[in-house]
Amino acid sequence: MKIAIDGPAGSGKSTVAKYLSHKLDFPYIDTGAMYRGITYLILKNKLSLEDKTAIIKLVNNSLFSFDENGLSINGVNLEKEIRKNKISEYVSVVAALPYVREILVKKQQNIANKMTNGILDGRDIGTVVLPYADLKIYLETSIKERAHRRLKELLDKGESIDLETLIEQIAQRDQNDMNRAVGPLKKADDAILIVTDGLSIGAVGEKIIERIIKK
């Protein structure tokens, strides 16, 4: 069984996917981490977003792998680096580059095709990456709740930022994600909508497991 989980930034996709991965013993692919990883490498290598040739080469040469410690690219774990707020500020811009999405979608599909069971989360899993997924979930959460979740996450990591700035950043990411030309954020017609405001990760996860049992 292949499960697609989509939703906006901060809606709890990754945390819910990890919960399901643990409960079901399914491998989990965090496609958002792949875009974050490429964003990190672009910034680290000081590449211009106008330098299409260099970015295409970078993405093509990036070998992605996932384990209990998160994302590695070419054998180097980048999980800590890609979760910083600076990456969050830039990732939706990088993810909107059509040639980046084209390459990463193919890589994601190749990974998924090798799995019997698996969970993928992102913005366009149910619509583009895995339109044939056995179960599609779309998580929806208010911007305010998402900002509060992100604030706690950043404070726990020692990063300082105010709530209003986070709300503005998340709103801008939503606009970028929903309005990009390729692979925009949207709910697949056959996806199950779950509004997560006020729900624990476990409660959301169990709602999804109930759907899996019904399958």
N, C-alpha and C. Protein backbone atom coordinates (compact mmCIF):
# COMPACT_ATOMS: atom_id res chain seq x y z
N MET A 1 0.84 -1.20 0.00
CA MET A 1 0.00 0.00 0.00
C MET A 1 0.87 1.24 0.00
N LYS A 2 0.52 2.18 -0.87
CA LYS A 2 1.25 3.45 -0.93
C LYS A 2 0.31 4.58 -0.50
N ILE A 3 0.79 5.38 0.45
CA ILE A 3 -0.01 6.44 1.05
C ILE A 3 0.58 7.79 0.70
N ALA A 4 -0.25 8.69 0.19
CA ALA A 4 0.16 10.06 -0.15
C ALA A 4 -0.44 11.02 0.87
N ILE A 5 0.41 11.84 1.47
CA ILE A 5 -0.05 12.85 2.43
C ILE A 5 0.38 14.22 1.94
N ASP A 6 -0.59 15.07 1.67
CA ASP A 6 -0.31 16.43 1.21
C ASP A 6 -0.87 17.45 2.19
N GLY A 7 -0.39 18.68 2.05
CA GLY A 7 -0.89 19.76 2.88
C GLY A 7 0.10 20.91 2.88
N PRO A 8 -0.32 22.07 3.38
CA PRO A 8 0.55 23.24 3.39
C PRO A 8 1.65 23.14 4.43
N ALA A 9 2.56 24.11 4.42
CA ALA A 9 3.66 24.16 5.38
C ALA A 9 3.14 24.17 6.80
N GLY A 10 3.70 23.32 7.64
CA GLY A 10 3.35 23.33 9.05
C GLY A 10 2.06 22.64 9.41
N SER A 11 1.48 21.89 8.48
CA SER A 11 0.20 21.22 8.75
C SER A 11 0.38 19.90 9.49
N GLY A 12 1.63 19.50 9.70
CA GLY A 12 1.90 18.27 10.45
C GLY A 12 2.13 17.05 9.59
N LYS A 13 2.35 17.25 8.29
CA LYS A 13 2.52 16.12 7.37
C LYS A 13 3.63 15.18 7.81
N SER A 14 4.81 15.75 8.03
CA SER A 14 5.97 14.92 8.34
C SER A 14 5.80 14.18 9.66
N THR A 15 5.27 14.87 10.66
CA THR A 15 5.10 14.24 11.97
C THR A 15 4.08 13.12 11.91
N VAL A 16 2.98 13.36 11.19
CA VAL A 16 1.96 12.33 11.02
C VAL A 16 2.52 11.16 10.21
N ALA A 17 3.28 11.48 9.16
CA ALA A 17 3.87 10.42 8.33
C ALA A 17 4.83 9.56 9.15
N LYS A 18 5.62 10.18 10.02
CA LYS A 18 6.54 9.43 10.89
C LYS A 18 5.76 8.54 11.86
N TYR A 19 4.66 9.07 12.38
CA TYR A 19 3.80 8.29 13.28
C TYR A 19 3.29 7.05 12.57
N LEU A 20 2.79 7.24 11.35
CA LEU A 20 2.26 6.11 10.57
C LEU A 20 3.37 5.13 10.21
N SER A 21 4.53 5.66 9.85
CA SER A 21 5.67 4.81 9.49
C SER A 21 6.03 3.89 10.65
N HIS A 22 6.02 4.45 11.86
CA HIS A 22 6.34 3.66 13.06
C HIS A 22 5.25 2.62 13.35
N LYS A 23 3.99 3.05 13.26
CA LYS A 23 2.87 2.16 13.60
C LYS A 23 2.70 1.04 12.57
N LEU A 24 2.92 1.36 11.30
CA LEU A 24 2.66 0.41 10.22
C LEU A 24 3.92 -0.31 9.75
N ASP A 25 5.09 0.19 10.20
CA ASP A 25 6.37 -0.33 9.72
C ASP A 25 6.50 -0.16 8.21
N PHE A 26 6.09 1.01 7.73
CA PHE A 26 6.22 1.38 6.32
C PHE A 26 7.40 2.35 6.17
N PRO A 27 8.18 2.25 5.10
CA PRO A 27 9.20 3.26 4.86
C PRO A 27 8.55 4.62 4.58
N TYR A 28 9.24 5.68 4.97
CA TYR A 28 8.71 7.04 4.83
C TYR A 28 9.67 7.90 4.03
N ILE A 29 9.15 8.55 2.99
CA ILE A 29 9.94 9.46 2.17
C ILE A 29 9.41 10.88 2.34
N ASP A 30 10.23 11.74 2.90
CA ASP A 30 9.89 13.14 3.13
C ASP A 30 10.32 13.94 1.90
N THR A 31 9.40 14.11 0.94
CA THR A 31 9.78 14.79 -0.30
C THR A 31 10.10 16.26 -0.07
N GLY A 32 9.48 16.86 0.94
CA GLY A 32 9.79 18.25 1.26
C GLY A 32 11.24 18.41 1.68
N ALA A 33 11.78 17.38 2.36
CA ALA A 33 13.18 17.42 2.76
C ALA A 33 14.10 17.43 1.54
N MET A 34 13.66 16.80 0.46
CA MET A 34 14.47 16.79 -0.76
C MET A 34 14.59 18.20 -1.32
N TYR A 35 13.47 18.95 -1.34
CA TYR A 35 13.52 20.34 -1.80
C TYR A 35 14.34 21.20 -0.84
N ARG A 36 14.22 20.92 0.46
CA ARG A 36 15.00 21.66 1.45
C ARG A 36 16.50 21.36 1.26
N GLY A 37 16.81 20.10 0.97
CA GLY A 37 18.20 19.73 0.76
C GLY A 37 18.82 20.45 -0.43
N ILE A 38 18.07 20.52 -1.52
CA ILE A 38 18.56 21.23 -2.70
C ILE A 38 18.70 22.72 -2.40
N THR A 39 17.74 23.28 -1.67
CA THR A 39 17.82 24.69 -1.28
C THR A 39 19.08 24.95 -0.46
N TYR A 40 19.34 24.07 0.50
CA TYR A 40 20.54 24.20 1.34
C TYR A 40 21.80 24.18 0.48
N LEU A 41 21.88 23.25 -0.47
CA LEU A 41 23.07 23.13 -1.30
C LEU A 41 23.24 24.33 -2.23
N ILE A 42 22.12 24.86 -2.73
CA ILE A 42 22.19 26.06 -3.58
C ILE A 42 22.77 27.23 -2.78
N LEU A 43 22.27 27.41 -1.56
CA LEU A 43 22.77 28.50 -0.71
C LEU A 43 24.22 28.26 -0.29
N LYS A 44 24.53 27.02 0.07
CA LYS A 44 25.89 26.70 0.50
C LYS A 44 26.90 26.96 -0.61
N ASN A 45 26.52 26.61 -1.84
CA ASN A 45 27.42 26.78 -2.98
C ASN A 45 27.30 28.14 -3.65
N LYS A 46 26.45 29.01 -3.03
CA LYS A 46 26.27 30.38 -3.51
C LYS A 46 25.88 30.42 -5.00
N LEU A 47 24.98 29.51 -5.39
CA LEU A 47 24.50 29.49 -6.77
C LEU A 47 23.40 30.52 -6.95
N SER A 48 23.41 31.18 -8.09
CA SER A 48 22.33 32.10 -8.42
C SER A 48 21.11 31.30 -8.85
N LEU A 49 19.92 31.76 -8.45
CA LEU A 49 18.70 31.08 -8.87
C LEU A 49 18.47 31.25 -10.37
N GLU A 50 19.25 32.13 -10.99
CA GLU A 50 19.17 32.31 -12.44
C GLU A 50 20.07 31.32 -13.18
N ASP A 51 20.95 30.64 -12.45
CA ASP A 51 21.92 29.74 -13.08
C ASP A 51 21.30 28.35 -13.25
N LYS A 52 20.46 28.23 -14.26
CA LYS A 52 19.72 27.00 -14.49
C LYS A 52 20.64 25.80 -14.71
N THR A 53 21.70 25.98 -15.49
CA THR A 53 22.61 24.88 -15.81
C THR A 53 23.26 24.31 -14.55
N ALA A 54 23.74 25.20 -13.68
CA ALA A 54 24.41 24.76 -12.46
C ALA A 54 23.44 24.06 -11.51
N ILE A 55 22.22 24.58 -11.43
CA ILE A 55 21.23 23.99 -10.52
C ILE A 55 20.79 22.62 -11.02
N ILE A 56 20.57 22.50 -12.33
CA ILE A 56 20.20 21.19 -12.90
C ILE A 56 21.30 20.16 -12.63
N LYS A 57 22.55 20.57 -12.81
CA LYS A 57 23.68 19.66 -12.53
C LYS A 57 23.69 19.25 -11.07
N LEU A 58 23.46 20.23 -10.18
CA LEU A 58 23.43 19.95 -8.75
C LEU A 58 22.35 18.93 -8.40
N VAL A 59 21.14 19.13 -8.92
CA VAL A 59 20.02 18.24 -8.60
C VAL A 59 20.27 16.84 -9.18
N ASN A 60 20.72 16.79 -10.43
CA ASN A 60 20.99 15.49 -11.06
C ASN A 60 22.05 14.69 -10.31
N ASN A 61 23.03 15.40 -9.74
CA ASN A 61 24.14 14.73 -9.06
C ASN A 61 23.86 14.44 -7.59
N SER A 62 22.65 14.75 -7.14
CA SER A 62 22.30 14.54 -5.73
C SER A 62 21.63 13.18 -5.55
N LEU A 63 22.26 12.34 -4.74
CA LEU A 63 21.70 11.02 -4.42
C LEU A 63 21.05 11.11 -3.04
N PHE A 64 19.73 10.93 -3.01
CA PHE A 64 18.96 11.10 -1.77
C PHE A 64 18.77 9.76 -1.08
N SER A 65 18.89 9.78 0.23
CA SER A 65 18.58 8.58 1.02
C SER A 65 17.96 9.01 2.35
N PHE A 66 17.14 8.12 2.90
CA PHE A 66 16.45 8.40 4.16
C PHE A 66 16.66 7.25 5.13
N ASP A 67 16.87 7.60 6.40
CA ASP A 67 16.90 6.59 7.46
C ASP A 67 16.33 7.22 8.72
N GLU A 68 16.54 6.58 9.87
CA GLU A 68 15.96 7.09 11.12
C GLU A 68 16.51 8.47 11.49
N ASN A 69 17.62 8.86 10.88
CA ASN A 69 18.21 10.17 11.16
C ASN A 69 17.81 11.22 10.13
N GLY A 70 16.89 10.87 9.23
CA GLY A 70 16.39 11.83 8.26
C GLY A 70 17.11 11.78 6.92
N LEU A 71 17.21 12.93 6.28
CA LEU A 71 17.73 13.02 4.91
C LEU A 71 19.26 13.07 4.85
N SER A 72 19.79 12.29 3.91
CA SER A 72 21.20 12.42 3.53
C SER A 72 21.27 12.65 2.03
N ILE A 73 22.21 13.46 1.60
CA ILE A 73 22.47 13.66 0.18
C ILE A 73 23.92 13.28 -0.07
N ASN A 74 24.12 12.35 -1.00
CA ASN A 74 25.45 11.84 -1.32
C ASN A 74 26.18 11.37 -0.05
N GLY A 75 25.41 10.73 0.84
CA GLY A 75 26.00 10.13 2.03
C GLY A 75 26.21 11.07 3.20
N VAL A 76 25.86 12.34 3.05
CA VAL A 76 26.04 13.32 4.13
C VAL A 76 24.68 13.67 4.73
N ASN A 77 24.52 13.44 6.03
CA ASN A 77 23.25 13.77 6.68
C ASN A 77 23.10 15.28 6.79
N LEU A 78 21.96 15.79 6.32
CA LEU A 78 21.71 17.23 6.31
C LEU A 78 20.48 17.61 7.12
N GLU A 79 19.97 16.68 7.91
CA GLU A 79 18.69 16.90 8.59
C GLU A 79 18.70 18.16 9.45
N LYS A 80 19.75 18.39 10.19
CA LYS A 80 19.81 19.58 11.06
C LYS A 80 19.84 20.86 10.24
N GLU A 81 20.66 20.87 9.21
CA GLU A 81 20.82 22.08 8.39
C GLU A 81 19.55 22.47 7.65
N ILE A 82 18.82 21.47 7.13
CA ILE A 82 17.67 21.80 6.29
C ILE A 82 16.45 22.25 7.08
N ARG A 83 16.48 22.10 8.40
CA ARG A 83 15.32 22.50 9.22
C ARG A 83 15.44 23.92 9.75
N LYS A 84 16.51 24.62 9.41
CA LYS A 84 16.69 25.99 9.89
C LYS A 84 15.74 26.94 9.17
N ASN A 85 15.40 28.03 9.84
CA ASN A 85 14.40 28.95 9.29
C ASN A 85 14.85 29.59 7.99
N LYS A 86 16.16 29.77 7.81
CA LYS A 86 16.65 30.36 6.56
C LYS A 86 16.26 29.49 5.37
N ILE A 87 16.32 28.19 5.54
CA ILE A 87 15.92 27.28 4.46
C ILE A 87 14.42 27.40 4.22
N SER A 88 13.64 27.52 5.29
CA SER A 88 12.19 27.68 5.15
C SER A 88 11.84 28.93 4.35
N GLU A 89 12.65 29.97 4.49
CA GLU A 89 12.38 31.22 3.78
C GLU A 89 12.56 31.06 2.27
N TYR A 90 13.51 30.21 1.86
CA TYR A 90 13.87 30.12 0.44
C TYR A 90 13.28 28.91 -0.29
N VAL A 91 12.86 27.89 0.46
CA VAL A 91 12.54 26.62 -0.18
C VAL A 91 11.38 26.72 -1.17
N SER A 92 10.37 27.54 -0.90
CA SER A 92 9.24 27.61 -1.83
C SER A 92 9.64 28.26 -3.15
N VAL A 93 10.67 29.13 -3.10
CA VAL A 93 11.17 29.75 -4.33
C VAL A 93 11.89 28.71 -5.18
N VAL A 94 12.75 27.93 -4.53
CA VAL A 94 13.48 26.87 -5.23
C VAL A 94 12.51 25.81 -5.75
N ALA A 95 11.53 25.45 -4.93
CA ALA A 95 10.56 24.42 -5.31
C ALA A 95 9.68 24.85 -6.48
N ALA A 96 9.62 26.15 -6.74
CA ALA A 96 8.80 26.65 -7.85
C ALA A 96 9.54 26.59 -9.18
N LEU A 97 10.84 26.30 -9.15
CA LEU A 97 11.60 26.21 -10.40
C LEU A 97 11.19 24.94 -11.13
N PRO A 98 10.60 25.05 -12.32
CA PRO A 98 10.04 23.88 -13.01
C PRO A 98 11.05 22.76 -13.24
N TYR A 99 12.29 23.12 -13.57
CA TYR A 99 13.29 22.08 -13.86
C TYR A 99 13.72 21.36 -12.59
N VAL A 100 13.68 22.03 -11.45
CA VAL A 100 13.97 21.37 -10.18
C VAL A 100 12.86 20.36 -9.86
N ARG A 101 11.61 20.80 -10.01
CA ARG A 101 10.48 19.91 -9.72
C ARG A 101 10.48 18.71 -10.66
N GLU A 102 10.77 18.94 -11.93
CA GLU A 102 10.74 17.84 -12.90
C GLU A 102 11.72 16.74 -12.51
N ILE A 103 12.94 17.14 -12.14
CA ILE A 103 13.95 16.15 -11.77
C ILE A 103 13.60 15.46 -10.46
N LEU A 104 13.18 16.25 -9.46
CA LEU A 104 12.89 15.66 -8.16
C LEU A 104 11.65 14.77 -8.19
N VAL A 105 10.64 15.14 -8.97
CA VAL A 105 9.46 14.28 -9.09
C VAL A 105 9.86 12.91 -9.65
N LYS A 106 10.73 12.90 -10.66
CA LYS A 106 11.18 11.63 -11.23
C LYS A 106 11.95 10.81 -10.19
N LYS A 107 12.78 11.48 -9.41
CA LYS A 107 13.53 10.78 -8.37
C LYS A 107 12.57 10.20 -7.32
N GLN A 108 11.56 10.99 -6.95
CA GLN A 108 10.57 10.54 -5.96
C GLN A 108 9.78 9.35 -6.50
N GLN A 109 9.39 9.41 -7.76
CA GLN A 109 8.65 8.31 -8.36
C GLN A 109 9.50 7.05 -8.45
N ASN A 110 10.78 7.21 -8.76
CA ASN A 110 11.69 6.05 -8.81
C ASN A 110 11.81 5.38 -7.45
N ILE A 111 11.89 6.21 -6.40
CA ILE A 111 11.96 5.66 -5.04
C ILE A 111 10.67 4.92 -4.71
N ALA A 112 9.53 5.55 -5.01
CA ALA A 112 8.23 4.96 -4.69
C ALA A 112 8.00 3.66 -5.45
N ASN A 113 8.44 3.61 -6.70
CA ASN A 113 8.22 2.42 -7.52
C ASN A 113 8.98 1.20 -7.00
N LYS A 114 10.01 1.44 -6.19
CA LYS A 114 10.79 0.33 -5.64
C LYS A 114 10.20 -0.19 -4.33
N MET A 115 9.17 0.50 -3.82
CA MET A 115 8.58 0.13 -2.53
C MET A 115 7.27 -0.63 -2.73
N THR A 116 7.08 -1.67 -1.94
CA THR A 116 5.77 -2.35 -1.92
C THR A 116 4.80 -1.54 -1.08
N ASN A 117 5.26 -1.14 0.09
CA ASN A 117 4.51 -0.26 0.98
C ASN A 117 5.33 0.99 1.23
N GLY A 118 4.65 2.11 1.41
CA GLY A 118 5.40 3.32 1.69
C GLY A 118 4.50 4.52 1.90
N ILE A 119 5.08 5.53 2.54
CA ILE A 119 4.39 6.79 2.81
C ILE A 119 5.22 7.92 2.24
N LEU A 120 4.60 8.75 1.41
CA LEU A 120 5.26 9.94 0.89
C LEU A 120 4.44 11.15 1.29
N ASP A 121 5.11 12.20 1.73
CA ASP A 121 4.38 13.43 2.04
C ASP A 121 5.00 14.60 1.29
N GLY A 122 4.16 15.62 1.04
CA GLY A 122 4.64 16.78 0.30
C GLY A 122 3.50 17.72 -0.04
N ARG A 123 3.63 18.37 -1.20
CA ARG A 123 2.60 19.30 -1.66
C ARG A 123 1.81 18.75 -2.85
N ASP A 124 2.47 17.87 -3.63
CA ASP A 124 1.85 17.39 -4.88
C ASP A 124 1.94 15.87 -5.01
N ILE A 125 1.94 15.18 -3.89
CA ILE A 125 2.09 13.71 -3.94
C ILE A 125 0.86 13.07 -4.58
N GLY A 126 -0.32 13.41 -4.08
CA GLY A 126 -1.54 12.80 -4.59
C GLY A 126 -1.94 13.26 -5.97
N THR A 127 -1.42 14.42 -6.40
CA THR A 127 -1.81 14.96 -7.70
C THR A 127 -0.77 14.71 -8.80
N VAL A 128 0.52 14.66 -8.43
CA VAL A 128 1.57 14.56 -9.44
C VAL A 128 2.48 13.35 -9.22
N VAL A 129 3.04 13.23 -8.03
CA VAL A 129 4.05 12.20 -7.78
C VAL A 129 3.43 10.80 -7.75
N LEU A 130 2.35 10.65 -6.97
CA LEU A 130 1.67 9.35 -6.84
C LEU A 130 0.17 9.48 -7.08
N PRO A 131 -0.23 9.83 -8.29
CA PRO A 131 -1.66 9.95 -8.55
C PRO A 131 -2.39 8.61 -8.42
N TYR A 132 -1.61 7.51 -8.41
CA TYR A 132 -2.17 6.16 -8.28
C TYR A 132 -2.09 5.64 -6.84
N ALA A 133 -1.78 6.51 -5.88
CA ALA A 133 -1.64 6.08 -4.48
C ALA A 133 -2.90 5.36 -4.01
N ASP A 134 -2.73 4.37 -3.16
CA ASP A 134 -3.87 3.61 -2.64
C ASP A 134 -4.72 4.44 -1.68
N LEU A 135 -4.08 5.37 -0.99
CA LEU A 135 -4.80 6.24 -0.06
C LEU A 135 -4.18 7.63 -0.12
N LYS A 136 -5.04 8.63 -0.29
CA LYS A 136 -4.57 10.02 -0.35
C LYS A 136 -5.19 10.81 0.79
N ILE A 137 -4.33 11.51 1.52
CA ILE A 137 -4.76 12.33 2.65
C ILE A 137 -4.34 13.77 2.40
N TYR A 138 -5.23 14.70 2.74
CA TYR A 138 -4.87 16.12 2.67
C TYR A 138 -5.11 16.73 4.05
N LEU A 139 -4.04 17.24 4.65
CA LEU A 139 -4.13 17.85 5.98
C LEU A 139 -4.31 19.36 5.85
N GLU A 140 -5.26 19.88 6.59
CA GLU A 140 -5.53 21.32 6.55
C GLU A 140 -5.48 21.86 7.98
N THR A 141 -4.80 22.98 8.15
CA THR A 141 -4.63 23.59 9.47
C THR A 141 -4.59 25.10 9.32
N SER A 142 -5.14 25.83 10.27
CA SER A 142 -5.13 27.29 10.20
C SER A 142 -3.70 27.82 10.26
N ILE A 143 -3.47 28.97 9.64
CA ILE A 143 -2.14 29.57 9.63
C ILE A 143 -1.67 29.85 11.06
N LYS A 144 -2.57 30.33 11.90
CA LYS A 144 -2.17 30.67 13.27
C LYS A 144 -1.66 29.45 14.02
N GLU A 145 -2.36 28.33 13.89
CA GLU A 145 -1.91 27.12 14.58
C GLU A 145 -0.60 26.62 14.00
N ARG A 146 -0.46 26.71 12.69
CA ARG A 146 0.80 26.28 12.06
C ARG A 146 1.96 27.14 12.54
N ALA A 147 1.72 28.45 12.68
CA ALA A 147 2.77 29.36 13.15
C ALA A 147 3.17 29.04 14.59
N HIS A 148 2.19 28.74 15.43
CA HIS A 148 2.50 28.38 16.82
C HIS A 148 3.33 27.10 16.87
N ARG A 149 2.99 26.12 16.03
CA ARG A 149 3.76 24.87 16.00
C ARG A 149 5.20 25.12 15.57
N ARG A 150 5.35 25.93 14.52
CA ARG A 150 6.68 26.23 13.99
C ARG A 150 7.50 27.03 15.00
N LEU A 151 6.85 27.96 15.70
CA LEU A 151 7.54 28.77 16.71
C LEU A 151 8.13 27.87 17.79
N LYS A 152 7.32 26.93 18.27
CA LYS A 152 7.80 26.01 19.31
C LYS A 152 8.98 25.19 18.80
N GLU A 153 8.86 24.72 17.56
CA GLU A 153 9.93 23.92 16.96
C GLU A 153 11.23 24.70 16.89
N LEU A 154 11.15 25.97 16.45
CA LEU A 154 12.36 26.80 16.31
C LEU A 154 12.94 27.16 17.67
N LEU A 155 12.08 27.49 18.62
CA LEU A 155 12.56 27.83 19.97
C LEU A 155 13.26 26.63 20.61
N ASP A 156 12.72 25.43 20.37
CA ASP A 156 13.34 24.22 20.90
C ASP A 156 14.73 24.01 20.32
N LYS A 157 14.95 24.53 19.10
CA LYS A 157 16.26 24.40 18.44
C LYS A 157 17.18 25.58 18.74
N GLY A 158 16.67 26.54 19.53
CA GLY A 158 17.50 27.69 19.89
C GLY A 158 17.46 28.83 18.91
N GLU A 159 16.55 28.77 17.92
CA GLU A 159 16.40 29.87 16.96
C GLU A 159 15.38 30.87 17.49
N SER A 160 15.65 32.16 17.25
CA SER A 160 14.77 33.21 17.76
C SER A 160 14.01 33.88 16.62
N ILE A 161 12.69 33.95 16.76
CA ILE A 161 11.84 34.60 15.76
C ILE A 161 10.50 34.91 16.43
N ASP A 162 9.83 35.97 15.95
CA ASP A 162 8.54 36.30 16.57
C ASP A 162 7.39 35.68 15.79
N LEU A 163 6.26 35.54 16.45
CA LEU A 163 5.10 34.86 15.89
C LEU A 163 4.58 35.54 14.64
N GLU A 164 4.50 36.88 14.65
CA GLU A 164 3.96 37.60 13.50
C GLU A 164 4.81 37.39 12.25
N THR A 165 6.12 37.37 12.43
CA THR A 165 7.01 37.11 11.29
C THR A 165 6.75 35.72 10.72
N LEU A 166 6.57 34.75 11.60
CA LEU A 166 6.28 33.39 11.16
C LEU A 166 4.97 33.31 10.40
N ILE A 167 3.95 34.01 10.89
CA ILE A 167 2.65 34.02 10.22
C ILE A 167 2.80 34.57 8.81
N GLU A 168 3.56 35.66 8.67
CA GLU A 168 3.80 36.26 7.35
C GLU A 168 4.56 35.29 6.44
N GLN A 169 5.58 34.64 6.98
CA GLN A 169 6.37 33.70 6.18
C GLN A 169 5.52 32.52 5.70
N ILE A 170 4.70 31.99 6.59
CA ILE A 170 3.86 30.84 6.23
C ILE A 170 2.81 31.24 5.20
N ALA A 171 2.22 32.43 5.37
CA ALA A 171 1.23 32.91 4.39
C ALA A 171 1.87 33.08 3.02
N GLN A 172 3.12 33.59 3.01
CA GLN A 172 3.82 33.76 1.74
C GLN A 172 4.14 32.42 1.11
N ARG A 173 4.55 31.45 1.93
CA ARG A 173 4.83 30.11 1.40
C ARG A 173 3.58 29.49 0.81
N ASP A 174 2.45 29.68 1.48
CA ASP A 174 1.18 29.17 0.95
C ASP A 174 0.90 29.74 -0.43
N GLN A 175 1.08 31.05 -0.56
CA GLN A 175 0.84 31.71 -1.85
C GLN A 175 1.78 31.16 -2.91
N ASN A 176 3.06 31.04 -2.57
CA ASN A 176 4.04 30.51 -3.52
C ASN A 176 3.69 29.08 -3.92
N ASP A 177 3.33 28.27 -2.93
CA ASP A 177 3.05 26.85 -3.19
C ASP A 177 1.78 26.65 -4.02
N MET A 178 0.75 27.45 -3.74
CA MET A 178 -0.53 27.27 -4.43
C MET A 178 -0.54 27.87 -5.83
N ASN A 179 0.32 28.85 -6.06
CA ASN A 179 0.27 29.58 -7.33
C ASN A 179 1.39 29.25 -8.30
N ARG A 180 2.29 28.32 -7.94
CA ARG A 180 3.35 27.99 -8.88
C ARG A 180 2.78 27.25 -10.08
N ALA A 181 3.46 27.37 -11.20
CA ALA A 181 2.96 26.82 -12.46
C ALA A 181 3.01 25.29 -12.49
N VAL A 182 4.02 24.72 -11.85
CA VAL A 182 4.21 23.27 -11.91
C VAL A 182 4.03 22.67 -10.51
N GLY A 183 3.19 21.64 -10.41
CA GLY A 183 2.99 20.95 -9.14
C GLY A 183 2.51 21.82 -8.01
N PRO A 184 1.49 22.65 -8.24
CA PRO A 184 1.02 23.52 -7.15
C PRO A 184 0.39 22.71 -6.01
N LEU A 185 0.39 23.33 -4.83
CA LEU A 185 -0.27 22.72 -3.68
C LEU A 185 -1.77 22.72 -3.91
N LYS A 186 -2.37 21.53 -3.92
CA LYS A 186 -3.82 21.45 -3.99
C LYS A 186 -4.26 20.05 -3.57
N LYS A 187 -5.49 19.97 -3.12
CA LYS A 187 -6.04 18.69 -2.69
C LYS A 187 -6.46 17.88 -3.91
N ALA A 188 -6.02 16.63 -3.97
CA ALA A 188 -6.48 15.73 -5.03
C ALA A 188 -7.97 15.49 -4.86
N ASP A 189 -8.67 15.32 -5.97
CA ASP A 189 -10.13 15.14 -5.92
C ASP A 189 -10.53 13.95 -5.06
N ASP A 190 -9.70 12.91 -5.05
CA ASP A 190 -10.05 11.70 -4.29
C ASP A 190 -9.32 11.61 -2.95
N ALA A 191 -8.75 12.73 -2.50
CA ALA A 191 -8.06 12.74 -1.20
C ALA A 191 -9.06 12.95 -0.07
N ILE A 192 -8.75 12.38 1.07
CA ILE A 192 -9.57 12.56 2.28
C ILE A 192 -9.05 13.77 3.04
N LEU A 193 -9.93 14.72 3.29
CA LEU A 193 -9.55 15.94 4.01
C LEU A 193 -9.63 15.72 5.52
N ILE A 194 -8.55 16.07 6.21
CA ILE A 194 -8.54 16.03 7.68
C ILE A 194 -8.10 17.40 8.19
N VAL A 195 -8.96 18.06 8.94
CA VAL A 195 -8.62 19.35 9.55
C VAL A 195 -7.98 19.04 10.90
N THR A 196 -6.73 19.48 11.08
CA THR A 196 -5.95 19.02 12.24
C THR A 196 -5.93 20.01 13.41
N ASP A 197 -6.57 21.16 13.28
CA ASP A 197 -6.59 22.12 14.39
C ASP A 197 -7.09 21.45 15.67
N GLY A 198 -6.30 21.57 16.72
CA GLY A 198 -6.72 21.04 18.01
C GLY A 198 -6.54 19.55 18.18
N LEU A 199 -6.06 18.86 17.15
CA LEU A 199 -5.87 17.41 17.23
C LEU A 199 -4.41 17.07 17.49
N SER A 200 -4.18 16.05 18.29
CA SER A 200 -2.81 15.57 18.50
C SER A 200 -2.35 14.78 17.28
N ILE A 201 -1.05 14.59 17.18
CA ILE A 201 -0.50 13.79 16.08
C ILE A 201 -1.09 12.38 16.11
N GLY A 202 -1.19 11.81 17.31
CA GLY A 202 -1.75 10.48 17.44
C GLY A 202 -3.19 10.40 16.97
N ALA A 203 -3.97 11.44 17.28
CA ALA A 203 -5.38 11.45 16.86
C ALA A 203 -5.50 11.50 15.35
N VAL A 204 -4.66 12.32 14.71
CA VAL A 204 -4.67 12.40 13.25
C VAL A 204 -4.21 11.08 12.65
N GLY A 205 -3.14 10.52 13.22
CA GLY A 205 -2.63 9.24 12.73
C GLY A 205 -3.65 8.13 12.82
N GLU A 206 -4.38 8.08 13.92
CA GLU A 206 -5.38 7.02 14.10
C GLU A 206 -6.56 7.20 13.14
N LYS A 207 -6.89 8.44 12.81
CA LYS A 207 -7.94 8.68 11.81
C LYS A 207 -7.53 8.07 10.47
N ILE A 208 -6.25 8.24 10.14
CA ILE A 208 -5.75 7.70 8.87
C ILE A 208 -5.70 6.17 8.92
N ILE A 209 -5.28 5.63 10.04
CA ILE A 209 -5.23 4.16 10.19
C ILE A 209 -6.63 3.56 10.05
N GLU A 210 -7.64 4.25 10.57
CA GLU A 210 -9.03 3.78 10.39
C GLU A 210 -9.38 3.68 8.92
N ARG A 211 -8.91 4.65 8.14
CA ARG A 211 -9.16 4.62 6.69
C ARG A 211 -8.42 3.47 6.02
N ILE A 212 -7.21 3.21 6.50
CA ILE A 212 -6.42 2.11 5.94
C ILE A 212 -7.12 0.78 6.19
N ILE A 213 -7.64 0.61 7.40
CA ILE A 213 -8.35 -0.63 7.76
C ILE A 213 -9.56 -0.83 6.85
N LYS A 214 -10.25 0.27 6.54
CA LYS A 214 -11.44 0.19 5.68
C LYS A 214 -11.08 -0.20 4.25
N LYS A 215 -9.82 0.05 3.87
CA LYS A 215 -9.39 -0.31 2.52
C LYS A 215 -9.29 -1.83 2.37
